[in-house]
N, C-alpha and C. Protein backbone atom coordinates (compact mmCIF):
# COMPACT_ATOMS: atom_id res chain seq x y z
N MET A 1 0.71 -1.29 0.10
CA MET A 1 0.11 0.04 0.09
C MET A 1 0.78 1.30 0.08
N LEU A 2 0.61 2.35 -0.56
CA LEU A 2 1.41 3.20 -0.73
C LEU A 2 0.43 4.47 -0.19
N THR A 3 1.11 5.49 0.51
CA THR A 3 0.58 6.79 0.79
C THR A 3 1.37 7.92 0.60
N VAL A 4 0.37 8.76 -0.46
CA VAL A 4 1.32 9.84 -0.74
C VAL A 4 0.81 10.86 -0.01
N VAL A 5 1.48 11.72 0.51
CA VAL A 5 0.92 12.82 1.23
C VAL A 5 1.18 14.01 0.90
N HIS A 6 0.68 15.31 0.39
CA HIS A 6 1.04 16.33 -0.27
C HIS A 6 0.83 18.05 0.94
N LEU A 7 2.22 17.99 1.26
CA LEU A 7 1.83 19.05 2.08
C LEU A 7 1.88 20.85 1.41
N PRO A 8 0.91 21.61 1.87
CA PRO A 8 0.25 22.81 1.45
C PRO A 8 1.77 23.28 1.23
N GLY A 9 2.21 23.85 0.04
CA GLY A 9 3.03 25.12 -0.12
C GLY A 9 4.91 23.99 -0.75
N GLN A 10 4.37 22.94 -0.60
CA GLN A 10 5.75 22.25 -1.52
C GLN A 10 5.42 21.83 -2.80
N HIS A 11 6.37 21.80 -3.17
CA HIS A 11 6.26 22.10 -5.15
C HIS A 11 7.49 21.53 -4.99
N LEU A 12 7.37 20.09 -5.35
CA LEU A 12 8.21 19.00 -5.30
C LEU A 12 7.92 18.40 -6.86
N PRO A 13 8.57 17.91 -7.18
CA PRO A 13 8.81 17.36 -8.47
C PRO A 13 7.72 15.86 -8.62
N SER A 14 6.65 15.71 -9.52
CA SER A 14 6.11 14.57 -9.07
C SER A 14 7.01 13.46 -9.19
N PRO A 15 6.55 12.25 -8.68
CA PRO A 15 6.96 11.14 -8.30
C PRO A 15 6.91 10.36 -9.52
N VAL A 16 7.92 9.38 -9.76
CA VAL A 16 7.17 8.32 -10.93
C VAL A 16 7.59 6.89 -10.85
N ARG A 17 6.89 6.36 -11.59
CA ARG A 17 6.82 4.69 -11.32
C ARG A 17 8.57 4.65 -12.17
N ASP A 18 9.41 3.62 -11.42
CA ASP A 18 10.82 2.92 -11.60
C ASP A 18 10.37 1.94 -12.18
N PRO A 19 10.90 1.76 -13.78
CA PRO A 19 10.24 0.79 -14.33
C PRO A 19 11.26 -0.90 -13.76
N ALA A 20 12.33 -0.40 -12.97
CA ALA A 20 13.05 -1.78 -12.63
C ALA A 20 12.54 -1.91 -11.20
N GLY A 21 11.62 -0.87 -10.57
CA GLY A 21 11.47 -1.21 -9.03
C GLY A 21 10.15 -2.17 -9.10
N GLY A 22 9.74 -2.56 -10.13
CA GLY A 22 8.34 -3.38 -9.80
C GLY A 22 7.21 -2.21 -9.27
N GLY A 23 6.86 -1.18 -9.56
CA GLY A 23 5.93 -0.62 -9.21
C GLY A 23 5.71 0.57 -8.30
N THR A 24 7.29 1.03 -7.75
CA THR A 24 7.70 2.02 -6.95
C THR A 24 7.62 2.90 -7.28
N LEU A 25 7.89 3.89 -6.43
CA LEU A 25 7.76 5.33 -6.69
C LEU A 25 9.09 5.97 -6.38
N ARG A 26 9.75 6.90 -7.14
CA ARG A 26 10.92 7.50 -7.08
C ARG A 26 10.67 9.06 -7.97
N ARG A 27 11.67 9.93 -6.84
CA ARG A 27 11.32 11.29 -7.45
C ARG A 27 12.33 11.79 -8.28
N VAL A 28 12.17 12.40 -9.05
CA VAL A 28 12.94 12.92 -10.35
C VAL A 28 13.64 14.28 -9.73
N VAL A 29 14.61 13.89 -9.85
CA VAL A 29 15.76 15.15 -9.58
C VAL A 29 15.92 16.07 -10.84
N PRO A 30 15.49 17.89 -10.95
CA PRO A 30 15.66 18.46 -12.13
C PRO A 30 16.87 17.95 -12.74
N ALA A 31 17.28 18.45 -13.91
CA ALA A 31 18.42 17.73 -14.39
C ALA A 31 19.34 18.74 -14.49
N ALA A 32 18.79 20.13 -14.46
CA ALA A 32 20.11 21.40 -13.55
C ALA A 32 20.62 21.15 -12.26
N LEU A 33 19.86 20.52 -11.47
CA LEU A 33 20.43 20.37 -9.80
C LEU A 33 21.70 19.49 -10.31
N LEU A 34 21.05 18.44 -10.94
CA LEU A 34 22.57 17.23 -10.83
C LEU A 34 23.67 18.05 -10.49
N PRO A 35 24.35 18.83 -11.42
CA PRO A 35 25.53 19.33 -11.36
C PRO A 35 26.12 19.78 -9.80
N HIS A 36 25.15 20.40 -9.63
CA HIS A 36 25.18 21.19 -7.95
C HIS A 36 25.31 20.04 -6.94
N LEU A 37 24.47 19.13 -7.39
CA LEU A 37 24.55 17.82 -6.18
C LEU A 37 25.86 17.13 -6.51
N ARG A 38 26.38 17.09 -7.34
CA ARG A 38 27.80 16.62 -7.91
C ARG A 38 28.66 17.64 -7.18
N LEU A 39 28.63 18.44 -6.94
CA LEU A 39 29.83 19.53 -6.70
C LEU A 39 29.81 19.22 -4.90
N ALA A 40 28.73 18.97 -4.29
CA ALA A 40 28.48 19.29 -3.11
C ALA A 40 28.90 17.26 -2.69
N HIS A 41 28.51 16.50 -3.64
CA HIS A 41 29.51 15.27 -3.46
C HIS A 41 30.94 15.00 -3.29
N ASP A 42 31.33 16.30 -4.17
CA ASP A 42 32.73 15.80 -4.52
C ASP A 42 33.56 16.63 -3.27
N VAL A 43 32.39 17.49 -2.54
CA VAL A 43 33.37 18.25 -1.65
C VAL A 43 33.12 17.54 -0.17
N ALA A 44 32.30 16.76 -0.11
CA ALA A 44 32.39 15.34 1.18
C ALA A 44 33.27 14.38 0.97
N ASP A 45 33.38 14.41 -0.51
CA ASP A 45 34.59 13.73 -0.49
C ASP A 45 36.07 14.10 -0.44
N ARG A 46 36.18 14.81 -0.83
CA ARG A 46 37.70 15.73 -0.39
C ARG A 46 37.72 16.75 1.01
N HIS A 47 36.47 16.74 1.19
CA HIS A 47 37.04 16.91 3.07
C HIS A 47 35.98 16.45 3.60
N TYR A 48 35.98 14.81 3.86
CA TYR A 48 35.37 14.00 4.70
C TYR A 48 35.68 14.14 5.93
N SER A 49 37.20 14.56 6.00
CA SER A 49 38.13 14.12 7.26
C SER A 49 37.48 15.94 8.24
N GLU A 50 37.17 16.31 7.65
CA GLU A 50 36.94 17.73 8.23
C GLU A 50 35.71 17.78 8.64
N PRO A 51 34.89 18.99 9.98
CA PRO A 51 33.94 18.65 10.20
C PRO A 51 32.78 19.59 9.18
N LEU A 52 32.01 18.27 9.06
CA LEU A 52 30.78 19.04 7.48
C LEU A 52 29.42 18.84 8.44
N ASP A 53 28.78 19.77 7.93
CA ASP A 53 27.41 19.27 8.22
C ASP A 53 26.55 19.61 7.01
N LEU A 54 25.32 19.18 7.28
CA LEU A 54 24.39 19.37 5.85
C LEU A 54 24.16 20.56 5.61
N GLN A 55 24.35 21.89 6.48
CA GLN A 55 24.43 23.00 6.17
C GLN A 55 25.31 23.38 5.52
N ALA A 56 26.63 22.67 5.25
CA ALA A 56 27.98 23.02 4.47
C ALA A 56 27.66 22.63 3.30
N LEU A 57 27.28 21.09 3.02
CA LEU A 57 26.95 20.72 1.80
C LEU A 57 25.85 21.37 0.78
N ALA A 58 24.61 21.64 1.72
CA ALA A 58 23.39 22.18 0.76
C ALA A 58 24.11 23.35 0.25
N ALA A 59 25.11 24.40 1.16
CA ALA A 59 25.81 25.69 0.27
C ALA A 59 26.50 25.28 -0.65
N ALA A 60 27.16 24.23 -0.53
CA ALA A 60 28.37 24.08 -2.06
C ALA A 60 27.34 23.88 -2.88
N ALA A 61 26.08 22.98 -3.16
CA ALA A 61 25.35 22.62 -3.93
C ALA A 61 24.11 23.80 -3.97
N ASN A 62 24.25 24.91 -3.24
CA ASN A 62 23.47 26.39 -3.81
C ASN A 62 22.06 26.09 -3.97
N VAL A 63 21.61 25.24 -2.35
CA VAL A 63 20.03 25.23 -2.72
C VAL A 63 19.84 25.08 -1.01
N SER A 64 18.97 25.42 -0.88
CA SER A 64 18.58 24.97 0.86
C SER A 64 18.70 23.55 1.38
N LYS A 65 19.14 23.68 2.63
CA LYS A 65 19.26 22.41 3.35
C LYS A 65 18.58 21.13 2.72
N TYR A 66 17.29 21.71 3.10
CA TYR A 66 15.80 20.69 3.08
C TYR A 66 15.69 20.30 1.49
N HIS A 67 15.89 20.84 0.79
CA HIS A 67 15.84 20.70 -0.70
C HIS A 67 16.77 19.51 -1.16
N PHE A 68 18.05 20.24 -0.55
CA PHE A 68 19.61 19.51 -1.09
C PHE A 68 19.50 18.02 -0.53
N CYS A 69 18.64 17.83 0.44
CA CYS A 69 18.86 16.38 1.35
C CYS A 69 17.94 15.64 0.52
N ARG A 70 16.58 15.84 0.62
CA ARG A 70 15.74 15.09 -0.63
C ARG A 70 16.44 14.74 -2.05
N SER A 71 16.97 16.12 -2.47
CA SER A 71 17.32 16.02 -3.76
C SER A 71 19.34 14.93 -3.97
N PHE A 72 19.74 15.10 -3.01
CA PHE A 72 20.60 14.05 -2.79
C PHE A 72 20.68 12.59 -2.61
N ALA A 73 19.19 12.60 -1.47
CA ALA A 73 18.73 11.07 -1.63
C ALA A 73 18.15 10.32 -2.55
N ALA A 74 17.31 11.17 -3.13
CA ALA A 74 17.09 10.64 -4.72
C ALA A 74 18.04 10.12 -5.51
N THR A 75 19.18 11.44 -5.59
CA THR A 75 20.19 10.87 -6.65
C THR A 75 21.31 9.19 -6.45
N TYR A 76 21.59 10.21 -4.92
CA TYR A 76 22.33 8.76 -4.95
C TYR A 76 21.88 7.51 -4.00
N GLY A 77 20.76 7.75 -3.43
CA GLY A 77 20.16 6.22 -2.96
C GLY A 77 20.36 6.62 -1.56
N GLU A 78 21.28 7.58 -0.90
CA GLU A 78 21.18 7.56 0.41
C GLU A 78 21.25 8.86 1.04
N THR A 79 20.95 9.50 2.56
CA THR A 79 20.68 10.99 2.81
C THR A 79 22.73 11.32 2.76
N PRO A 80 22.70 12.36 2.49
CA PRO A 80 24.13 13.13 2.62
C PRO A 80 24.95 12.60 4.09
N MET A 81 24.38 12.71 4.80
CA MET A 81 24.94 12.33 6.04
C MET A 81 25.06 10.97 6.00
N ARG A 82 24.66 10.30 5.80
CA ARG A 82 24.96 8.97 5.49
C ARG A 82 25.74 8.53 4.69
N TYR A 83 26.00 8.96 3.67
CA TYR A 83 26.93 9.16 3.14
C TYR A 83 28.23 9.44 2.98
N LEU A 84 28.23 10.41 4.07
CA LEU A 84 29.26 11.32 4.48
C LEU A 84 29.52 10.39 5.85
N THR A 85 29.04 10.03 6.31
CA THR A 85 29.32 8.69 7.50
C THR A 85 29.99 7.56 6.79
N ARG A 86 29.46 7.27 5.94
CA ARG A 86 29.72 5.98 5.36
C ARG A 86 31.48 6.05 4.53
N ARG A 87 31.72 7.37 4.05
CA ARG A 87 32.48 7.58 3.48
C ARG A 87 34.10 7.57 4.50
N ARG A 88 33.45 8.27 5.83
CA ARG A 88 34.51 8.34 6.98
C ARG A 88 35.02 6.97 7.49
N ILE A 89 34.00 6.02 7.41
CA ILE A 89 34.11 4.97 7.91
C ILE A 89 35.12 4.10 7.04
N GLU A 90 34.71 3.99 5.77
CA GLU A 90 35.57 3.51 4.50
C GLU A 90 36.77 4.11 4.78
N ARG A 91 37.08 5.47 4.83
CA ARG A 91 38.23 5.96 4.99
C ARG A 91 39.36 5.55 6.08
N ALA A 92 38.47 5.23 7.28
CA ALA A 92 39.59 5.27 8.48
C ALA A 92 40.75 4.24 8.73
């Protein structure tokens, strides 16, 4: 069963059916945002040993931290902080 919640004032791209996911929904990230997300991803890779937070990564992508978190997760399959934590553990 799928529950969809619409919050007033939230204008997100509509979810689309993932053909490989057997009817699951995934969020589409605008193509214009992808280079910004890649930049933040690269910042996390280069500066993983420094204190980074969600606000710093969102600033690197030049978007709000809320929009960044949703878009990063939709693009890379994990939240920015989970990605950063995983990278830190891998490099330890």
